[in-house]
């Protein structure tokens, strides 16, 4: 009888030890899982707070805004594209099962000092979880102040594009002169950001077949815009600019909205952001847009 009791005690002891070990393993597994989740959330919080810090294999940062309500990125991390033939459209098209109710914010001619509002506009958009493309002119990147403005905007997570060196009508220039306009500014942007320059907007929306060829050589996708009013005499104040930007015949899903580094644009910006959202539009993160080679003709 004592022998059986001894055997039973041993079995109970082993069983308790096994249960204890399993409990420890489960606890460790739960801790490890929670740690992974916490680390993942911490990374995402860092991206949202400081701008995109994760880089794709193609050298392009990942999107940092909260796009969960409107975008379903593919395996490359892209959900939208701009038509590669800018003669057809420069609007934003979904390439996955993403919402088409998006608009793209783009700003030309930044930074213009003294009196630049580029950083304030970037800070406002950042506070409202909005990204945009700032297309810069190389002639504004000669001073250390302006270089620092562009670097600050980029470090906040905003994409920087090319708007030529001296804002010329490209149709009036030779191939060599056009090449200088694009290549010089491209090199300046690359030196500031360390990232590939993906977008080019021709001044006045004017270009020719040589422009397209140069863009392809330099890895730039040419785009124009759907609408923009902040350079017209009747819209050089914040209130009328906000009104016309929210109510015009060109506003629709996929619209590419042109703005500039202007005080009245800064004054209208918050009303535009809130207004588009109230109308059901999402402001697309440009890092969700895939770059393409231009159609040559």
Protein backbone atom coordinates (compact mmCIF):
# COMPACT_ATOMS: atom_id res chain seq x y z
CA UNK A 1 0.00 0.00 0.00
CA UNK A 2 2.80 2.38 0.85
CA UNK A 3 4.41 1.51 -2.47
CA UNK A 4 1.27 2.54 -4.40
CA UNK A 5 0.98 5.76 -2.44
CA UNK A 6 4.62 6.51 -3.26
CA UNK A 7 4.01 5.95 -6.99
CA UNK A 8 0.89 8.15 -6.90
CA UNK A 9 2.80 10.94 -5.18
CA UNK A 10 5.53 10.82 -7.81
CA UNK A 11 2.98 10.96 -10.64
CA UNK A 12 1.21 13.92 -9.03
CA UNK A 13 4.52 15.71 -8.56
CA UNK A 14 5.50 15.17 -12.22
CA UNK A 15 2.08 16.27 -13.37
CA UNK A 16 2.26 19.44 -11.32
CA UNK A 17 5.76 20.14 -12.65
CA UNK A 18 4.59 19.63 -16.26
CA UNK A 19 1.59 21.89 -15.72
CA UNK A 20 3.85 24.49 -14.15
CA UNK A 21 6.28 24.26 -17.07
CA UNK A 22 3.44 24.58 -19.61
CA UNK A 23 2.11 27.57 -17.71
CA UNK A 24 5.53 29.19 -17.76
CA UNK A 25 5.89 28.51 -21.50
CA UNK A 26 2.42 29.93 -22.22
CA UNK A 27 3.21 33.00 -20.13
CA UNK A 28 6.48 33.49 -21.96
CA UNK A 29 4.72 33.08 -25.32
CA UNK A 30 2.08 35.62 -24.33
CA UNK A 31 4.75 38.06 -23.20
CA UNK A 32 6.64 37.60 -26.46
CA UNK A 33 3.45 38.15 -28.49
CA UNK A 34 2.56 41.24 -26.51
CA UNK A 35 6.11 42.53 -26.96
CA UNK A 36 5.90 42.06 -30.74
CA UNK A 37 2.56 43.87 -30.88
CA UNK A 38 3.85 46.69 -28.70
CA UNK A 39 6.98 47.04 -30.83
CA UNK A 40 4.91 47.08 -34.02
CA UNK A 41 2.61 49.73 -32.58
CA UNK A 42 5.62 51.73 -31.40
CA UNK A 43 7.09 51.68 -34.92
CA UNK A 44 3.79 52.84 -36.41
CA UNK A 45 3.47 55.56 -33.78
CA UNK A 46 6.99 56.72 -34.61
CA UNK A 47 6.16 56.86 -38.32
CA UNK A 48 3.00 58.86 -37.67
CA UNK A 49 4.81 61.22 -35.31
CA UNK A 50 8.02 61.87 -37.20
CA UNK A 51 7.17 61.06 -40.81
CA UNK A 52 8.01 58.05 -42.87
CA UNK A 53 11.25 56.39 -41.81
CA UNK A 54 10.71 52.98 -43.40
CA UNK A 55 12.13 52.65 -46.90
CA UNK A 56 10.97 50.32 -49.67
CA UNK A 57 13.44 48.32 -51.79
CA UNK A 58 13.06 50.94 -54.55
CA UNK A 59 14.27 53.63 -52.17
CA UNK A 60 10.86 55.25 -51.70
CA UNK A 61 9.55 55.74 -48.13
CA UNK A 62 6.38 53.98 -47.05
CA UNK A 63 3.20 55.97 -46.50
CA UNK A 64 2.91 57.37 -42.98
CA UNK A 65 -0.62 58.76 -42.79
CA UNK A 66 -3.59 56.73 -41.58
CA UNK A 67 -4.84 55.43 -44.94
CA UNK A 68 -6.79 52.45 -43.56
CA UNK A 69 -10.15 54.03 -44.45
CA UNK A 70 -9.44 54.41 -48.15
CA UNK A 71 -6.44 52.41 -49.40
CA UNK A 72 -5.55 48.75 -49.77
CA UNK A 73 -1.88 48.70 -50.81
CA UNK A 74 -0.50 45.90 -52.97
CA UNK A 75 2.56 43.81 -52.10
CA UNK A 76 4.82 46.73 -53.09
CA UNK A 77 2.98 49.10 -50.77
CA UNK A 78 1.28 51.08 -53.56
CA UNK A 79 -2.45 51.57 -54.02
CA UNK A 80 -2.69 54.33 -56.66
CA UNK A 81 -1.05 55.54 -59.85
CA UNK A 82 -1.04 58.62 -62.07
CA UNK A 83 -1.67 57.94 -65.77
CA UNK A 84 1.73 57.71 -67.52
CA UNK A 85 0.46 59.89 -70.39
CA UNK A 86 -0.02 63.34 -68.87
CA UNK A 87 -1.78 64.49 -72.06
CA UNK A 88 -4.65 62.25 -70.97
CA UNK A 89 -4.77 62.94 -67.25
CA UNK A 90 -2.74 63.73 -64.15
CA UNK A 91 -5.44 62.43 -61.84
CA UNK A 92 -5.05 59.71 -59.23
CA UNK A 93 -6.28 56.22 -60.19
CA UNK A 94 -6.60 53.20 -57.88
CA UNK A 95 -4.56 50.13 -58.85
CA UNK A 96 -6.07 47.93 -56.14
CA UNK A 97 -9.48 47.69 -54.53
CA UNK A 98 -8.94 51.16 -53.10
CA UNK A 99 -11.30 54.09 -52.86
CA UNK A 100 -11.37 56.41 -55.86
CA UNK A 101 -12.70 59.24 -53.68
CA UNK A 102 -9.27 60.75 -53.11
CA UNK A 103 -7.63 64.07 -53.93
CA UNK A 104 -3.91 64.85 -54.06
CA UNK A 105 -2.39 68.00 -52.56
CA UNK A 106 0.58 69.46 -54.47
CA UNK A 107 2.46 72.71 -53.78
CA UNK A 108 4.66 74.50 -56.35
CA UNK A 109 7.35 77.18 -56.00
CA UNK A 110 8.40 76.43 -52.45
CA UNK A 111 10.14 77.82 -50.55
CA UNK A 112 9.84 81.48 -51.47
CA UNK A 113 11.60 83.63 -48.92
CA UNK A 114 11.22 86.00 -47.27
CA UNK A 115 7.71 85.18 -46.20
CA UNK A 116 7.63 81.47 -46.98
CA UNK A 117 4.74 79.57 -45.40
CA UNK A 118 5.92 76.13 -46.52
CA UNK A 119 6.86 74.90 -43.05
CA UNK A 120 3.64 76.23 -41.49
CA UNK A 121 1.61 74.48 -44.19
CA UNK A 122 3.52 71.25 -43.60
CA UNK A 123 2.99 71.52 -39.84
CA UNK A 124 -0.73 72.16 -40.30
CA UNK A 125 -1.10 69.19 -42.62
CA UNK A 126 0.95 67.00 -40.29
CA UNK A 127 -1.32 67.89 -37.38
CA UNK A 128 -4.32 66.82 -39.47
CA UNK A 129 -2.71 63.60 -40.78
CA UNK A 130 -2.35 64.88 -44.36
CA UNK A 131 0.59 64.37 -46.70
CA UNK A 132 1.43 66.24 -49.93
CA UNK A 133 4.07 66.78 -52.62
CA UNK A 134 6.14 69.96 -52.53
CA UNK A 135 7.56 70.65 -56.03
CA UNK A 136 10.53 72.98 -55.73
CA UNK A 137 12.56 75.23 -58.02
CA UNK A 138 16.32 74.93 -57.91
CA UNK A 139 16.76 78.71 -57.94
CA UNK A 140 15.21 78.82 -54.47
CA UNK A 141 17.75 76.31 -53.15
CA UNK A 142 20.79 78.58 -53.24
CA UNK A 143 20.52 79.91 -49.69
CA UNK A 144 21.13 77.84 -46.57
CA UNK A 145 17.80 79.07 -45.17
CA UNK A 146 15.82 77.65 -48.07
CA UNK A 147 17.80 74.44 -48.15
CA UNK A 148 16.96 73.98 -44.47
CA UNK A 149 13.26 74.65 -45.14
CA UNK A 150 13.14 71.90 -47.76
CA UNK A 151 15.09 69.53 -45.52
CA UNK A 152 12.72 70.22 -42.63
CA UNK A 153 9.66 69.56 -44.77
CA UNK A 154 11.17 66.36 -46.11
CA UNK A 155 12.22 65.17 -42.65
CA UNK A 156 8.61 65.66 -41.54
CA UNK A 157 7.66 63.02 -44.11
CA UNK A 158 6.63 65.09 -47.14
CA UNK A 159 7.69 64.14 -50.65
CA UNK A 160 9.77 66.62 -52.65
CA UNK A 161 9.31 66.96 -56.42
CA UNK A 162 10.99 68.85 -59.28
CA UNK A 163 9.59 72.09 -60.78
CA UNK A 164 12.66 73.09 -62.88
CA UNK A 165 15.58 75.33 -62.01
CA UNK A 166 14.28 78.77 -63.03
CA UNK A 167 10.59 78.25 -63.87
CA UNK A 168 10.93 78.61 -67.65
CA UNK A 169 8.46 77.84 -70.43
CA UNK A 170 10.04 74.58 -71.55
CA UNK A 171 8.52 74.77 -75.03
CA UNK A 172 10.78 77.75 -75.72
CA UNK A 173 13.99 75.94 -74.73
CA UNK A 174 16.33 73.61 -76.57
CA UNK A 175 16.79 70.01 -75.49
CA UNK A 176 20.04 70.91 -73.75
CA UNK A 177 18.44 73.86 -71.92
CA UNK A 178 15.55 71.71 -70.77
CA UNK A 179 17.92 69.01 -69.59
CA UNK A 180 19.79 71.59 -67.51
CA UNK A 181 16.52 72.82 -65.97
CA UNK A 182 15.52 69.35 -64.80
CA UNK A 183 18.87 67.74 -64.01
CA UNK A 184 20.22 70.65 -61.94
CA UNK A 185 17.18 70.73 -59.68
CA UNK A 186 17.05 66.94 -59.46
CA UNK A 187 20.62 66.88 -58.17
CA UNK A 188 19.90 69.57 -55.58
CA UNK A 189 16.85 67.72 -54.26
CA UNK A 190 18.71 64.41 -54.12
CA UNK A 191 21.52 66.03 -52.15
CA UNK A 192 19.04 67.42 -49.62
CA UNK A 193 16.77 64.38 -49.21
CA UNK A 194 18.93 61.42 -50.18
CA UNK A 195 15.86 59.88 -51.83
CA UNK A 196 14.87 59.41 -55.48
CA UNK A 197 12.92 62.30 -57.02
CA UNK A 198 9.80 60.83 -58.58
CA UNK A 199 7.62 63.71 -59.75
CA UNK A 200 8.06 66.57 -62.19
CA UNK A 201 5.64 69.40 -62.93
CA UNK A 202 6.41 71.71 -65.89
CA UNK A 203 5.92 75.43 -65.22
CA UNK A 204 2.65 76.72 -66.68
CA UNK A 205 1.81 73.10 -67.55
CA UNK A 206 3.75 73.50 -70.82
CA UNK A 207 6.09 70.83 -72.19
CA UNK A 208 6.89 68.89 -75.36
CA UNK A 209 8.14 65.47 -76.44
CA UNK A 210 11.71 66.37 -75.49
CA UNK A 211 10.55 67.14 -71.94
CA UNK A 212 9.01 63.69 -71.70
CA UNK A 213 12.20 62.02 -72.95
CA UNK A 214 14.31 63.91 -70.42
CA UNK A 215 11.92 62.96 -67.62
CA UNK A 216 12.29 59.29 -68.53
CA UNK A 217 16.07 59.60 -68.60
CA UNK A 218 16.06 61.19 -65.14
CA UNK A 219 13.44 58.85 -63.67
CA UNK A 220 10.74 61.51 -63.30
CA UNK A 221 7.04 61.08 -63.95
CA UNK A 222 5.53 64.20 -65.49
CA UNK A 223 2.24 65.47 -64.11
CA UNK A 224 0.15 68.59 -64.50
CA UNK A 225 -2.98 69.21 -62.39
CA UNK A 226 -6.77 69.12 -62.29
CA UNK A 227 -7.36 72.60 -60.85
CA UNK A 228 -5.75 75.36 -58.85
CA UNK A 229 -6.77 78.95 -58.17
CA UNK A 230 -4.34 80.58 -55.74
CA UNK A 231 -2.46 82.42 -58.53
CA UNK A 232 -5.58 84.13 -59.98
CA UNK A 233 -6.28 87.76 -59.05
CA UNK A 234 -9.77 87.08 -57.71
CA UNK A 235 -8.52 84.35 -55.33
CA UNK A 236 -5.58 86.02 -53.60
CA UNK A 237 -7.37 85.91 -50.25
CA UNK A 238 -8.01 82.89 -48.05
CA UNK A 239 -11.82 82.92 -47.96
CA UNK A 240 -12.57 83.11 -51.70
CA UNK A 241 -9.75 80.65 -52.38
CA UNK A 242 -11.20 78.10 -49.96
CA UNK A 243 -14.68 78.56 -51.45
CA UNK A 244 -13.66 78.04 -55.07
CA UNK A 245 -11.38 75.13 -54.17
CA UNK A 246 -14.31 73.34 -52.55
CA UNK A 247 -16.86 74.22 -55.21
CA UNK A 248 -15.76 74.00 -58.84
CA UNK A 249 -16.58 71.85 -61.85
CA UNK A 250 -13.19 70.12 -61.82
CA UNK A 251 -13.49 68.67 -58.32
CA UNK A 252 -14.00 64.91 -58.42
CA UNK A 253 -12.39 61.73 -57.17
CA UNK A 254 -8.76 61.60 -58.26
CA UNK A 255 -8.30 65.36 -58.57
CA UNK A 256 -4.71 66.64 -58.53
CA UNK A 257 -4.93 69.99 -56.74
CA UNK A 258 -2.33 72.67 -57.49
CA UNK A 259 -1.34 75.15 -54.77
CA UNK A 260 1.62 77.42 -54.07
CA UNK A 261 3.71 78.76 -51.20
CA UNK A 262 1.45 81.76 -50.52
CA UNK A 263 0.04 83.35 -47.36
CA UNK A 264 -3.55 83.15 -48.63
CA UNK A 265 -3.07 79.49 -49.53
CA UNK A 266 -1.90 78.81 -46.01
CA UNK A 267 -4.94 80.73 -44.74
CA UNK A 268 -7.31 78.58 -46.84
CA UNK A 269 -5.64 75.24 -46.23
CA UNK A 270 -7.41 74.12 -43.06
CA UNK A 271 -10.85 74.91 -44.51
CA UNK A 272 -9.93 72.96 -47.62
CA UNK A 273 -8.82 69.91 -45.63
CA UNK A 274 -11.93 69.92 -43.45
CA UNK A 275 -14.19 70.70 -46.40
CA UNK A 276 -12.95 67.86 -48.60
CA UNK A 277 -13.30 65.42 -45.74
CA UNK A 278 -16.84 66.57 -45.02
CA UNK A 279 -17.62 65.96 -48.70
CA UNK A 280 -16.36 62.38 -48.41
CA UNK A 281 -12.94 62.81 -50.04
CA UNK A 282 -9.74 61.39 -48.62
CA UNK A 283 -6.48 63.27 -49.10
CA UNK A 284 -4.20 60.63 -50.55
CA UNK A 285 -0.71 60.04 -49.20
CA UNK A 286 1.62 60.43 -52.23
CA UNK A 287 3.79 57.60 -50.91
CA UNK A 288 0.87 55.32 -51.83
CA UNK A 289 1.20 56.41 -55.48
CA UNK A 290 3.37 54.26 -57.74
CA UNK A 291 5.82 56.01 -60.05
CA UNK A 292 5.66 55.03 -63.74
CA UNK A 293 7.64 55.65 -66.91
CA UNK A 294 6.07 58.32 -69.11
CA UNK A 295 4.47 57.48 -72.45
CA UNK A 296 6.71 59.01 -75.13
CA UNK A 297 5.38 60.42 -78.39
